[in-house]
Amino acid sequence: MVIGYEQSNVARGGIGFLLLAARRGDSWVSVGAVGTGFKQKDAVYLKATLDKLRTKRPAVPVEGKNLVFAQPTLIAEIQFRGWTDDNNLRHASYKGLREVQDNADIYEVRDN
């Protein structure tokens, strides 16, 4: 789930990276960010769409500079190699938005 982005004056389309979250039970948990895999036109579309979904309060606690938070509405396809020790995606790459925004396809983080 895309929950925001980092604003950038130098990156394609004004997005440095997308902030990501997954579901844990009835709440959201941060799973890191993705800053590669999207093309210029993807970034422009994502920024415009996320700006329409803008919110002052993040869906999950996230720290950083130049962050724009959005309502957790867009489901992204993310390819990744595994998980870090702090439960973030490792080597994440953006593959696109889900054509059908189906909540059944939101990643569920399970407790060990």
PDB file of N, CA and C in Angstrom:
ATOM      1  N   MET A   1       0.844  -1.163   0.000  1.00  0.00           N
ATOM      2  CA  MET A   1       0.000   0.000   0.000  1.00  0.00           C
ATOM      3  C   MET A   1       0.892   1.228   0.000  1.00  0.00           C
ATOM      4  N   VAL A   2       0.610   2.171  -0.867  1.00  0.00           N
ATOM      5  CA  VAL A   2       1.373   3.417  -0.916  1.00  0.00           C
ATOM      6  C   VAL A   2       0.748   4.383   0.090  1.00  0.00           C
ATOM      7  N   ILE A   3       1.572   4.894   1.004  1.00  0.00           N
ATOM      8  CA  ILE A   3       1.065   5.799   2.036  1.00  0.00           C
ATOM      9  C   ILE A   3       1.684   7.194   1.955  1.00  0.00           C
ATOM     10  N   GLY A   4       2.444   7.453   0.881  1.00  0.00           N
ATOM     11  CA  GLY A   4       3.028   8.770   0.708  1.00  0.00           C
ATOM     12  C   GLY A   4       4.279   8.706  -0.147  1.00  0.00           C
ATOM     13  N   TYR A   5       5.005   9.814  -0.154  1.00  0.00           N
ATOM     14  CA  TYR A   5       6.230   9.880  -0.931  1.00  0.00           C
ATOM     15  C   TYR A   5       7.153  10.950  -0.371  1.00  0.00           C
ATOM     16  N   GLU A   6       8.417  10.891  -0.805  1.00  0.00           N
ATOM     17  CA  GLU A   6       9.375  11.934  -0.487  1.00  0.00           C
ATOM     18  C   GLU A   6       9.415  12.887  -1.661  1.00  0.00           C
ATOM     19  N   GLN A   7       9.214  14.184  -1.396  1.00  0.00           N
ATOM     20  CA  GLN A   7       9.311  15.183  -2.447  1.00  0.00           C
ATOM     21  C   GLN A   7      10.770  15.352  -2.839  1.00  0.00           C
ATOM     22  N   SER A   8      10.995  15.524  -4.126  1.00  0.00           N
ATOM     23  CA  SER A   8      12.353  15.722  -4.624  1.00  0.00           C
ATOM     24  C   SER A   8      12.348  16.742  -5.748  1.00  0.00           C
ATOM     25  N   ASN A   9      13.329  17.633  -5.719  1.00  0.00           N
ATOM     26  CA  ASN A   9      13.468  18.618  -6.790  1.00  0.00           C
ATOM     27  C   ASN A   9      14.324  18.096  -7.941  1.00  0.00           C
ATOM     28  N   VAL A  10      14.980  16.950  -7.731  1.00  0.00           N
ATOM     29  CA  VAL A  10      15.875  16.423  -8.759  1.00  0.00           C
ATOM     30  C   VAL A  10      15.427  15.080  -9.329  1.00  0.00           C
ATOM     31  N   ALA A  11      14.616  14.334  -8.602  1.00  0.00           N
ATOM     32  CA  ALA A  11      14.197  13.005  -9.064  1.00  0.00           C
ATOM     33  C   ALA A  11      13.062  13.112 -10.075  1.00  0.00           C
ATOM     34  N   ARG A  12      12.921  12.051 -10.859  1.00  0.00           N
ATOM     35  CA  ARG A  12      11.897  11.982 -11.886  1.00  0.00           C
ATOM     36  C   ARG A  12      10.496  12.251 -11.324  1.00  0.00           C
ATOM     37  N   GLY A  13       9.806  13.187 -11.929  1.00  0.00           N
ATOM     38  CA  GLY A  13       8.427  13.471 -11.561  1.00  0.00           C
ATOM     39  C   GLY A  13       8.233  14.075 -10.185  1.00  0.00           C
ATOM     40  N   GLY A  14       9.319  14.414  -9.492  1.00  0.00           N
ATOM     41  CA  GLY A  14       9.197  15.023  -8.173  1.00  0.00           C
ATOM     42  C   GLY A  14       9.098  14.044  -7.024  1.00  0.00           C
ATOM     43  N   ILE A  15       9.296  12.762  -7.297  1.00  0.00           N
ATOM     44  CA  ILE A  15       9.219  11.737  -6.249  1.00  0.00           C
ATOM     45  C   ILE A  15      10.593  11.110  -6.062  1.00  0.00           C
ATOM     46  N   GLY A  16      11.115  11.203  -4.839  1.00  0.00           N
ATOM     47  CA  GLY A  16      12.366  10.530  -4.505  1.00  0.00           C
ATOM     48  C   GLY A  16      12.134   9.061  -4.234  1.00  0.00           C
ATOM     49  N   PHE A  17      11.116   8.774  -3.432  1.00  0.00           N
ATOM     50  CA  PHE A  17      10.712   7.394  -3.157  1.00  0.00           C
ATOM     51  C   PHE A  17       9.282   7.373  -2.668  1.00  0.00           C
ATOM     52  N   LEU A  18       8.656   6.201  -2.775  1.00  0.00           N
ATOM     53  CA  LEU A  18       7.301   5.981  -2.262  1.00  0.00           C
ATOM     54  C   LEU A  18       7.397   5.336  -0.887  1.00  0.00           C
ATOM     55  N   LEU A  19       6.562   5.774   0.033  1.00  0.00           N
ATOM     56  CA  LEU A  19       6.449   5.151   1.347  1.00  0.00           C
ATOM     57  C   LEU A  19       5.450   4.010   1.258  1.00  0.00           C
ATOM     58  N   LEU A  20       5.783   2.874   1.859  1.00  0.00           N
ATOM     59  CA  LEU A  20       4.956   1.678   1.740  1.00  0.00           C
ATOM     60  C   LEU A  20       4.507   1.159   3.097  1.00  0.00           C
ATOM     61  N   ALA A  21       3.345   0.547   3.105  1.00  0.00           N
ATOM     62  CA  ALA A  21       2.815  -0.085   4.315  1.00  0.00           C
ATOM     63  C   ALA A  21       2.132  -1.387   3.935  1.00  0.00           C
ATOM     64  N   ALA A  22       2.023  -2.259   4.921  1.00  0.00           N
ATOM     65  CA  ALA A  22       1.290  -3.516   4.771  1.00  0.00           C
ATOM     66  C   ALA A  22       0.304  -3.596   5.922  1.00  0.00           C
ATOM     67  N   ARG A  23      -0.585  -4.534   5.820  1.00  0.00           N
ATOM     68  CA  ARG A  23      -1.586  -4.710   6.859  1.00  0.00           C
ATOM     69  C   ARG A  23      -1.059  -5.653   7.934  1.00  0.00           C
ATOM     70  N   ARG A  24      -1.357  -5.346   9.171  1.00  0.00           N
ATOM     71  CA  ARG A  24      -1.105  -6.254  10.289  1.00  0.00           C
ATOM     72  C   ARG A  24      -2.387  -6.225  11.114  1.00  0.00           C
ATOM     73  N   GLY A  25      -3.189  -7.280  10.934  1.00  0.00           N
ATOM     74  CA  GLY A  25      -4.490  -7.290  11.602  1.00  0.00           C
ATOM     75  C   GLY A  25      -5.369  -6.202  11.026  1.00  0.00           C
ATOM     76  N   ASP A  26      -5.863  -5.326  11.902  1.00  0.00           N
ATOM     77  CA  ASP A  26      -6.731  -4.232  11.468  1.00  0.00           C
ATOM     78  C   ASP A  26      -5.996  -2.910  11.319  1.00  0.00           C
ATOM     79  N   SER A  27      -4.676  -2.931  11.395  1.00  0.00           N
ATOM     80  CA  SER A  27      -3.919  -1.688  11.297  1.00  0.00           C
ATOM     81  C   SER A  27      -2.850  -1.792  10.215  1.00  0.00           C
ATOM     82  N   TRP A  28      -2.117  -0.694  10.025  1.00  0.00           N
ATOM     83  CA  TRP A  28      -1.054  -0.621   9.041  1.00  0.00           C
ATOM     84  C   TRP A  28       0.300  -0.636   9.742  1.00  0.00           C
ATOM     85  N   VAL A  29       1.300  -1.170   9.059  1.00  0.00           N
ATOM     86  CA  VAL A  29       2.667  -1.169   9.551  1.00  0.00           C
ATOM     87  C   VAL A  29       3.582  -0.787   8.392  1.00  0.00           C
ATOM     88  N   SER A  30       4.560   0.070   8.675  1.00  0.00           N
ATOM     89  CA  SER A  30       5.503   0.487   7.648  1.00  0.00           C
ATOM     90  C   SER A  30       6.372  -0.689   7.221  1.00  0.00           C
ATOM     91  N   VAL A  31       6.602  -0.805   5.917  1.00  0.00           N
ATOM     92  CA  VAL A  31       7.506  -1.838   5.387  1.00  0.00           C
ATOM     93  C   VAL A  31       8.622  -1.193   4.560  1.00  0.00           C
ATOM     94  N   GLY A  32       8.829   0.113   4.750  1.00  0.00           N
ATOM     95  CA  GLY A  32       9.927   0.789   4.083  1.00  0.00           C
ATOM     96  C   GLY A  32       9.486   1.640   2.913  1.00  0.00           C
ATOM     97  N   ALA A  33      10.367   1.730   1.937  1.00  0.00           N
ATOM     98  CA  ALA A  33      10.140   2.608   0.790  1.00  0.00           C
ATOM     99  C   ALA A  33      10.700   1.963  -0.472  1.00  0.00           C
ATOM    100  N   VAL A  34      10.270   2.513  -1.599  1.00  0.00           N
ATOM    101  CA  VAL A  34      10.792   2.066  -2.893  1.00  0.00           C
ATOM    102  C   VAL A  34      11.116   3.316  -3.713  1.00  0.00           C
ATOM    103  N   GLY A  35      12.323   3.353  -4.243  1.00  0.00           N
ATOM    104  CA  GLY A  35      12.752   4.515  -5.006  1.00  0.00           C
ATOM    105  C   GLY A  35      13.237   4.190  -6.398  1.00  0.00           C
ATOM    106  N   THR A  36      12.959   2.990  -6.842  1.00  0.00           N
ATOM    107  CA  THR A  36      13.401   2.594  -8.177  1.00  0.00           C
ATOM    108  C   THR A  36      12.291   1.807  -8.865  1.00  0.00           C
ATOM    109  N   GLY A  37      12.355   1.789 -10.185  1.00  0.00           N
ATOM    110  CA  GLY A  37      11.404   0.995 -10.960  1.00  0.00           C
ATOM    111  C   GLY A  37      10.332   1.807 -11.645  1.00  0.00           C
ATOM    112  N   PHE A  38      10.119   3.053 -11.213  1.00  0.00           N
ATOM    113  CA  PHE A  38       9.091   3.833 -11.894  1.00  0.00           C
ATOM    114  C   PHE A  38       9.719   4.794 -12.885  1.00  0.00           C
ATOM    115  N   LYS A  39       9.030   4.950 -13.996  1.00  0.00           N
ATOM    116  CA  LYS A  39       9.473   5.822 -15.071  1.00  0.00           C
ATOM    117  C   LYS A  39       8.950   7.236 -14.824  1.00  0.00           C
ATOM    118  N   GLN A  40       9.412   8.166 -15.624  1.00  0.00           N
ATOM    119  CA  GLN A  40       9.002   9.570 -15.503  1.00  0.00           C
ATOM    120  C   GLN A  40       7.476   9.703 -15.500  1.00  0.00           C
ATOM    121  N   LYS A  41       6.812   9.065 -16.482  1.00  0.00           N
ATOM    122  CA  LYS A  41       5.349   9.209 -16.564  1.00  0.00           C
ATOM    123  C   LYS A  41       4.671   8.554 -15.368  1.00  0.00           C
ATOM    124  N   ASP A  42       5.235   7.450 -14.848  1.00  0.00           N
ATOM    125  CA  ASP A  42       4.686   6.818 -13.645  1.00  0.00           C
ATOM    126  C   ASP A  42       4.780   7.772 -12.457  1.00  0.00           C
ATOM    127  N   ALA A  43       5.955   8.395 -12.306  1.00  0.00           N
ATOM    128  CA  ALA A  43       6.178   9.293 -11.177  1.00  0.00           C
ATOM    129  C   ALA A  43       5.251  10.506 -11.242  1.00  0.00           C
ATOM    130  N   VAL A  44       5.063  11.059 -12.414  1.00  0.00           N
ATOM    131  CA  VAL A  44       4.169  12.212 -12.584  1.00  0.00           C
ATOM    132  C   VAL A  44       2.742  11.817 -12.204  1.00  0.00           C
ATOM    133  N   TYR A  45       2.291  10.663 -12.687  1.00  0.00           N
ATOM    134  CA  TYR A  45       0.947  10.179 -12.359  1.00  0.00           C
ATOM    135  C   TYR A  45       0.814   9.916 -10.858  1.00  0.00           C
ATOM    136  N   LEU A  46       1.799   9.228 -10.274  1.00  0.00           N
ATOM    137  CA  LEU A  46       1.750   8.918  -8.847  1.00  0.00           C
ATOM    138  C   LEU A  46       1.702  10.180  -7.997  1.00  0.00           C
ATOM    139  N   LYS A  47       2.534  11.159  -8.328  1.00  0.00           N
ATOM    140  CA  LYS A  47       2.561  12.401  -7.551  1.00  0.00           C
ATOM    141  C   LYS A  47       1.213  13.106  -7.622  1.00  0.00           C
ATOM    142  N   ALA A  48       0.658  13.240  -8.813  1.00  0.00           N
ATOM    143  CA  ALA A  48      -0.634  13.912  -8.979  1.00  0.00           C
ATOM    144  C   ALA A  48      -1.730  13.166  -8.215  1.00  0.00           C
ATOM    145  N   THR A  49      -1.725  11.853  -8.302  1.00  0.00           N
ATOM    146  CA  THR A  49      -2.744  11.043  -7.623  1.00  0.00           C
ATOM    147  C   THR A  49      -2.577  11.102  -6.113  1.00  0.00           C
ATOM    148  N   LEU A  50      -1.348  10.952  -5.638  1.00  0.00           N
ATOM    149  CA  LEU A  50      -1.099  10.995  -4.195  1.00  0.00           C
ATOM    150  C   LEU A  50      -1.369  12.382  -3.622  1.00  0.00           C
ATOM    151  N   ASP A  51      -1.123  13.422  -4.395  1.00  0.00           N
ATOM    152  CA  ASP A  51      -1.437  14.774  -3.928  1.00  0.00           C
ATOM    153  C   ASP A  51      -2.937  14.960  -3.715  1.00  0.00           C
ATOM    154  N   LYS A  52      -3.753  14.294  -4.515  1.00  0.00           N
ATOM    155  CA  LYS A  52      -5.213  14.346  -4.330  1.00  0.00           C
ATOM    156  C   LYS A  52      -5.633  13.590  -3.072  1.00  0.00           C
ATOM    157  N   LEU A  53      -4.824  12.615  -2.647  1.00  0.00           N
ATOM    158  CA  LEU A  53      -5.115  11.795  -1.466  1.00  0.00           C
ATOM    159  C   LEU A  53      -4.362  12.294  -0.233  1.00  0.00           C
ATOM    160  N   ARG A  54      -3.769  13.453  -0.340  1.00  0.00           N
ATOM    161  CA  ARG A  54      -2.906  14.013   0.703  1.00  0.00           C
ATOM    162  C   ARG A  54      -3.619  14.115   2.050  1.00  0.00           C
ATOM    163  N   THR A  55      -2.872  13.818   3.095  1.00  0.00           N
ATOM    164  CA  THR A  55      -3.379  13.928   4.463  1.00  0.00           C
ATOM    165  C   THR A  55      -2.249  14.430   5.349  1.00  0.00           C
ATOM    166  N   LYS A  56      -2.579  15.093   6.430  1.00  0.00           N
ATOM    167  CA  LYS A  56      -1.553  15.620   7.332  1.00  0.00           C
ATOM    168  C   LYS A  56      -0.982  14.540   8.234  1.00  0.00           C
ATOM    169  N   ARG A  57      -1.770  13.539   8.513  1.00  0.00           N
ATOM    170  CA  ARG A  57      -1.361  12.495   9.447  1.00  0.00           C
ATOM    171  C   ARG A  57      -1.028  11.208   8.686  1.00  0.00           C
ATOM    172  N   PRO A  58       0.175  10.670   8.897  1.00  0.00           N
ATOM    173  CA  PRO A  58       0.543   9.441   8.184  1.00  0.00           C
ATOM    174  C   PRO A  58      -0.254   8.235   8.679  1.00  0.00           C
ATOM    175  N   ALA A  59      -0.441   7.269   7.808  1.00  0.00           N
ATOM    176  CA  ALA A  59      -1.158   6.035   8.176  1.00  0.00           C
ATOM    177  C   ALA A  59      -0.373   5.237   9.216  1.00  0.00           C
ATOM    178  N   VAL A  60       0.953   5.369   9.185  1.00  0.00           N
ATOM    179  CA  VAL A  60       1.847   4.753  10.171  1.00  0.00           C
ATOM    180  C   VAL A  60       2.916   5.776  10.530  1.00  0.00           C
ATOM    181  N   PRO A  61       3.489   5.687  11.728  1.00  0.00           N
ATOM    182  CA  PRO A  61       4.558   6.633  12.075  1.00  0.00           C
ATOM    183  C   PRO A  61       5.765   6.471  11.145  1.00  0.00           C
ATOM    184  N   VAL A  62       6.128   7.550  10.483  1.00  0.00           N
ATOM    185  CA  VAL A  62       7.261   7.561   9.565  1.00  0.00           C
ATOM    186  C   VAL A  62       8.011   8.871   9.797  1.00  0.00           C
ATOM    187  N   GLU A  63       9.323   8.779   9.849  1.00  0.00           N
ATOM    188  CA  GLU A  63      10.127   9.978  10.019  1.00  0.00           C
ATOM    189  C   GLU A  63      10.956  10.232   8.772  1.00  0.00           C
ATOM    190  N   GLY A  64      11.229  11.484   8.519  1.00  0.00           N
ATOM    191  CA  GLY A  64      12.046  11.865   7.387  1.00  0.00           C
ATOM    192  C   GLY A  64      11.754  13.295   6.994  1.00  0.00           C
ATOM    193  N   LYS A  65      12.496  13.779   6.026  1.00  0.00           N
ATOM    194  CA  LYS A  65      12.314  15.142   5.540  1.00  0.00           C
ATOM    195  C   LYS A  65      11.572  15.115   4.219  1.00  0.00           C
ATOM    196  N   ASN A  66      10.842  16.185   3.968  1.00  0.00           N
ATOM    197  CA  ASN A  66      10.141  16.382   2.691  1.00  0.00           C
ATOM    198  C   ASN A  66       9.157  15.265   2.390  1.00  0.00           C
ATOM    199  N   LEU A  67       8.523  14.716   3.418  1.00  0.00           N
ATOM    200  CA  LEU A  67       7.561  13.633   3.210  1.00  0.00           C
ATOM    201  C   LEU A  67       6.160  14.193   3.014  1.00  0.00           C
ATOM    202  N   VAL A  68       5.443  13.610   2.082  1.00  0.00           N
ATOM    203  CA  VAL A  68       4.041  13.926   1.829  1.00  0.00           C
ATOM    204  C   VAL A  68       3.264  12.652   2.134  1.00  0.00           C
ATOM    205  N   PHE A  69       2.297  12.751   3.025  1.00  0.00           N
ATOM    206  CA  PHE A  69       1.516  11.583   3.414  1.00  0.00           C
ATOM    207  C   PHE A  69       0.204  11.542   2.645  1.00  0.00           C
ATOM    208  N   ALA A  70      -0.231  10.320   2.335  1.00  0.00           N
ATOM    209  CA  ALA A  70      -1.460  10.128   1.574  1.00  0.00           C
ATOM    210  C   ALA A  70      -2.312   9.056   2.237  1.00  0.00           C
ATOM    211  N   GLN A  71      -3.596   9.134   1.999  1.00  0.00           N
ATOM    212  CA  GLN A  71      -4.501   8.095   2.478  1.00  0.00           C
ATOM    213  C   GLN A  71      -4.089   6.769   1.850  1.00  0.00           C
ATOM    214  N   PRO A  72      -4.126   5.685   2.611  1.00  0.00           N
ATOM    215  CA  PRO A  72      -3.734   4.373   2.068  1.00  0.00           C
ATOM    216  C   PRO A  72      -4.808   3.818   1.132  1.00  0.00           C
ATOM    217  N   THR A  73      -4.716   4.236  -0.126  1.00  0.00           N
ATOM    218  CA  THR A  73      -5.721   3.868  -1.119  1.00  0.00           C
ATOM    219  C   THR A  73      -5.127   3.122  -2.303  1.00  0.00           C
ATOM    220  N   LEU A  74      -3.912   3.492  -2.715  1.00  0.00           N
ATOM    221  CA  LEU A  74      -3.295   2.892  -3.898  1.00  0.00           C
ATOM    222  C   LEU A  74      -2.518   1.636  -3.534  1.00  0.00           C
ATOM    223  N   ILE A  75      -2.787   0.564  -4.260  1.00  0.00           N
ATOM    224  CA  ILE A  75      -2.078  -0.701  -4.055  1.00  0.00           C
ATOM    225  C   ILE A  75      -1.029  -0.832  -5.151  1.00  0.00           C
ATOM    226  N   ALA A  76       0.226  -0.918  -4.731  1.00  0.00           N
ATOM    227  CA  ALA A  76       1.335  -1.021  -5.685  1.00  0.00           C
ATOM    228  C   ALA A  76       1.843  -2.451  -5.762  1.00  0.00           C
ATOM    229  N   GLU A  77       2.320  -2.809  -6.942  1.00  0.00           N
ATOM    230  CA  GLU A  77       3.014  -4.083  -7.144  1.00  0.00           C
ATOM    231  C   GLU A  77       4.486  -3.801  -6.880  1.00  0.00           C
ATOM    232  N   ILE A  78       5.066  -4.489  -5.921  1.00  0.00           N
ATOM    233  CA  ILE A  78       6.462  -4.288  -5.541  1.00  0.00           C
ATOM    234  C   ILE A  78       7.187  -5.625  -5.602  1.00  0.00           C
ATOM    235  N   GLN A  79       8.299  -5.649  -6.306  1.00  0.00           N
ATOM    236  CA  GLN A  79       9.154  -6.838  -6.304  1.00  0.00           C
ATOM    237  C   GLN A  79      10.262  -6.563  -5.297  1.00  0.00           C
ATOM    238  N   PHE A  80      10.592  -7.555  -4.471  1.00  0.00           N
ATOM    239  CA  PHE A  80      11.647  -7.364  -3.486  1.00  0.00           C
ATOM    240  C   PHE A  80      12.356  -8.677  -3.235  1.00  0.00           C
ATOM    241  N   ARG A  81      13.558  -8.595  -2.671  1.00  0.00           N
ATOM    242  CA  ARG A  81      14.415  -9.768  -2.475  1.00  0.00           C
ATOM    243  C   ARG A  81      14.248 -10.426  -1.114  1.00  0.00           C
ATOM    244  N   GLY A  82      13.670  -9.742  -0.174  1.00  0.00           N
ATOM    245  CA  GLY A  82      13.512 -10.305   1.167  1.00  0.00           C
ATOM    246  C   GLY A  82      13.216  -9.199   2.164  1.00  0.00           C
ATOM    247  N   TRP A  83      13.471  -9.512   3.423  1.00  0.00           N
ATOM    248  CA  TRP A  83      13.173  -8.591   4.515  1.00  0.00           C
ATOM    249  C   TRP A  83      14.446  -8.262   5.282  1.00  0.00           C
ATOM    250  N   THR A  84      14.539  -7.011   5.740  1.00  0.00           N
ATOM    251  CA  THR A  84      15.648  -6.617   6.595  1.00  0.00           C
ATOM    252  C   THR A  84      15.331  -7.043   8.031  1.00  0.00           C
ATOM    253  N   ASP A  85      16.314  -6.911   8.908  1.00  0.00           N
ATOM    254  CA  ASP A  85      16.100  -7.262  10.311  1.00  0.00           C
ATOM    255  C   ASP A  85      15.064  -6.371  10.993  1.00  0.00           C
ATOM    256  N   ASP A  86      14.879  -5.152  10.467  1.00  0.00           N
ATOM    257  CA  ASP A  86      13.875  -4.254  11.054  1.00  0.00           C
ATOM    258  C   ASP A  86      12.558  -4.256  10.266  1.00  0.00           C
ATOM    259  N   ASN A  87      12.303  -5.357   9.568  1.00  0.00           N
ATOM    260  CA  ASN A  87      11.023  -5.610   8.882  1.00  0.00           C
ATOM    261  C   ASN A  87      10.701  -4.632   7.756  1.00  0.00           C
ATOM    262  N   ASN A  88      11.714  -4.240   7.008  1.00  0.00           N
ATOM    263  CA  ASN A  88      11.510  -3.446   5.805  1.00  0.00           C
ATOM    264  C   ASN A  88      11.840  -4.301   4.586  1.00  0.00           C
ATOM    265  N   LEU A  89      11.270  -3.918   3.457  1.00  0.00           N
ATOM    266  CA  LEU A  89      11.554  -4.625   2.213  1.00  0.00           C
ATOM    267  C   LEU A  89      13.008  -4.424   1.824  1.00  0.00           C
ATOM    268  N   ARG A  90      13.648  -5.479   1.332  1.00  0.00           N
ATOM    269  CA  ARG A  90      15.038  -5.403   0.881  1.00  0.00           C
ATOM    270  C   ARG A  90      15.051  -5.377  -0.647  1.00  0.00           C
ATOM    271  N   HIS A  91      15.776  -4.421  -1.214  1.00  0.00           N
ATOM    272  CA  HIS A  91      15.927  -4.275  -2.666  1.00  0.00           C
ATOM    273  C   HIS A  91      14.566  -4.208  -3.369  1.00  0.00           C
ATOM    274  N   ALA A  92      13.733  -3.284  -2.915  1.00  0.00           N
ATOM    275  CA  ALA A  92      12.391  -3.128  -3.478  1.00  0.00           C
ATOM    276  C   ALA A  92      12.440  -2.401  -4.816  1.00  0.00           C
ATOM    277  N   SER A  93      11.581  -2.831  -5.746  1.00  0.00           N
ATOM    278  CA  SER A  93      11.465  -2.200  -7.051  1.00  0.00           C
ATOM    279  C   SER A  93       9.983  -2.081  -7.419  1.00  0.00           C
ATOM    280  N   TYR A  94       9.569  -0.888  -7.799  1.00  0.00           N
ATOM    281  CA  TYR A  94       8.186  -0.612  -8.174  1.00  0.00           C
ATOM    282  C   TYR A  94       7.883  -1.246  -9.531  1.00  0.00           C
ATOM    283  N   LYS A  95       6.778  -1.966  -9.625  1.00  0.00           N
ATOM    284  CA  LYS A  95       6.378  -2.606 -10.880  1.00  0.00           C
ATOM    285  C   LYS A  95       5.095  -2.025 -11.461  1.00  0.00           C
ATOM    286  N   GLY A  96       4.389  -1.201 -10.705  1.00  0.00           N
ATOM    287  CA  GLY A  96       3.154  -0.596 -11.182  1.00  0.00           C
ATOM    288  C   GLY A  96       2.081  -0.631 -10.119  1.00  0.00           C
ATOM    289  N   LEU A  97       0.968  -0.008 -10.444  1.00  0.00           N
ATOM    290  CA  LEU A  97      -0.196  -0.064  -9.552  1.00  0.00           C
ATOM    291  C   LEU A  97      -1.062  -1.239  -9.953  1.00  0.00           C
ATOM    292  N   ARG A  98      -1.746  -1.795  -8.989  1.00  0.00           N
ATOM    293  CA  ARG A  98      -2.701  -2.859  -9.294  1.00  0.00           C
ATOM    294  C   ARG A  98      -3.790  -2.271 -10.177  1.00  0.00           C
ATOM    295  N   GLU A  99      -4.112  -2.967 -11.257  1.00  0.00           N
ATOM    296  CA  GLU A  99      -5.168  -2.491 -12.144  1.00  0.00           C
ATOM    297  C   GLU A  99      -6.505  -2.469 -11.417  1.00  0.00           C
ATOM    298  N   VAL A 100      -6.745  -3.499 -10.643  1.00  0.00           N
ATOM    299  CA  VAL A 100      -7.936  -3.552  -9.804  1.00  0.00           C
ATOM    300  C   VAL A 100      -7.451  -3.358  -8.377  1.00  0.00           C
ATOM    301  N   GLN A 101      -7.921  -2.293  -7.740  1.00  0.00           N
ATOM    302  CA  GLN A 101      -7.494  -2.004  -6.373  1.00  0.00           C
ATOM    303  C   GLN A 101      -8.299  -2.899  -5.426  1.00  0.00           C
ATOM    304  N   ASP A 102      -7.858  -4.152  -5.318  1.00  0.00           N
ATOM    305  CA  ASP A 102      -8.544  -5.191  -4.565  1.00  0.00           C
ATOM    306  C   ASP A 102      -7.872  -5.389  -3.213  1.00  0.00           C
ATOM    307  N   ASN A 103      -8.572  -5.078  -2.141  1.00  0.00           N
ATOM    308  CA  ASN A 103      -7.990  -5.186  -0.801  1.00  0.00           C
ATOM    309  C   ASN A 103      -7.491  -6.589  -0.478  1.00  0.00           C
ATOM    310  N   ALA A 104      -7.958  -7.599  -1.173  1.00  0.00           N
ATOM    311  CA  ALA A 104      -7.487  -8.953  -0.937  1.00  0.00           C
ATOM    312  C   ALA A 104      -6.012  -9.106  -1.326  1.00  0.00           C
ATOM    313  N   ASP A 105      -5.518  -8.201  -2.168  1.00  0.00           N
ATOM    314  CA  ASP A 105      -4.140  -8.274  -2.634  1.00  0.00           C
ATOM    315  C   ASP A 105      -3.160  -7.449  -1.787  1.00  0.00           C
ATOM    316  N   ILE A 106      -3.620  -6.884  -0.668  1.00  0.00           N
ATOM    317  CA  ILE A 106      -2.729  -6.137   0.221  1.00  0.00           C
ATOM    318  C   ILE A 106      -1.930  -7.119   1.057  1.00  0.00           C
ATOM    319  N   TYR A 107      -0.628  -6.907   1.098  1.00  0.00           N
ATOM    320  CA  TYR A 107       0.255  -7.807   1.838  1.00  0.00           C
ATOM    321  C   TYR A 107      -0.073  -7.781   3.322  1.00  0.00           C
ATOM    322  N   GLU A 108      -0.136  -8.934   3.914  1.00  0.00           N
ATOM    323  CA  GLU A 108      -0.415  -9.098   5.346  1.00  0.00           C
ATOM    324  C   GLU A 108       0.857  -9.505   6.058  1.00  0.00           C
ATOM    325  N   VAL A 109       1.311  -8.681   7.013  1.00  0.00           N
ATOM    326  CA  VAL A 109       2.478  -9.002   7.835  1.00  0.00           C
ATOM    327  C   VAL A 109       1.973  -9.848   8.997  1.00  0.00           C
ATOM    328  N   ARG A 110       2.580 -10.977   9.168  1.00  0.00           N
ATOM    329  CA  ARG A 110       2.168 -11.884  10.245  1.00  0.00           C
ATOM    330  C   ARG A 110       3.224 -11.894  11.348  1.00  0.00           C
ATOM    331  N   ASP A 111       2.761 -11.989  12.573  1.00  0.00           N
ATOM    332  CA  ASP A 111       3.689 -12.127  13.703  1.00  0.00           C
ATOM    333  C   ASP A 111       4.259 -13.519  13.709  1.00  0.00           C
ATOM    334  N   ASN A 112       5.530 -13.631  14.066  1.00  0.00           N
ATOM    335  CA  ASN A 112       6.187 -14.936  14.086  1.00  0.00           C
ATOM    336  C   ASN A 112       5.795 -15.753  15.280  1.00  0.00           C
TER     337      ASN A 112
END
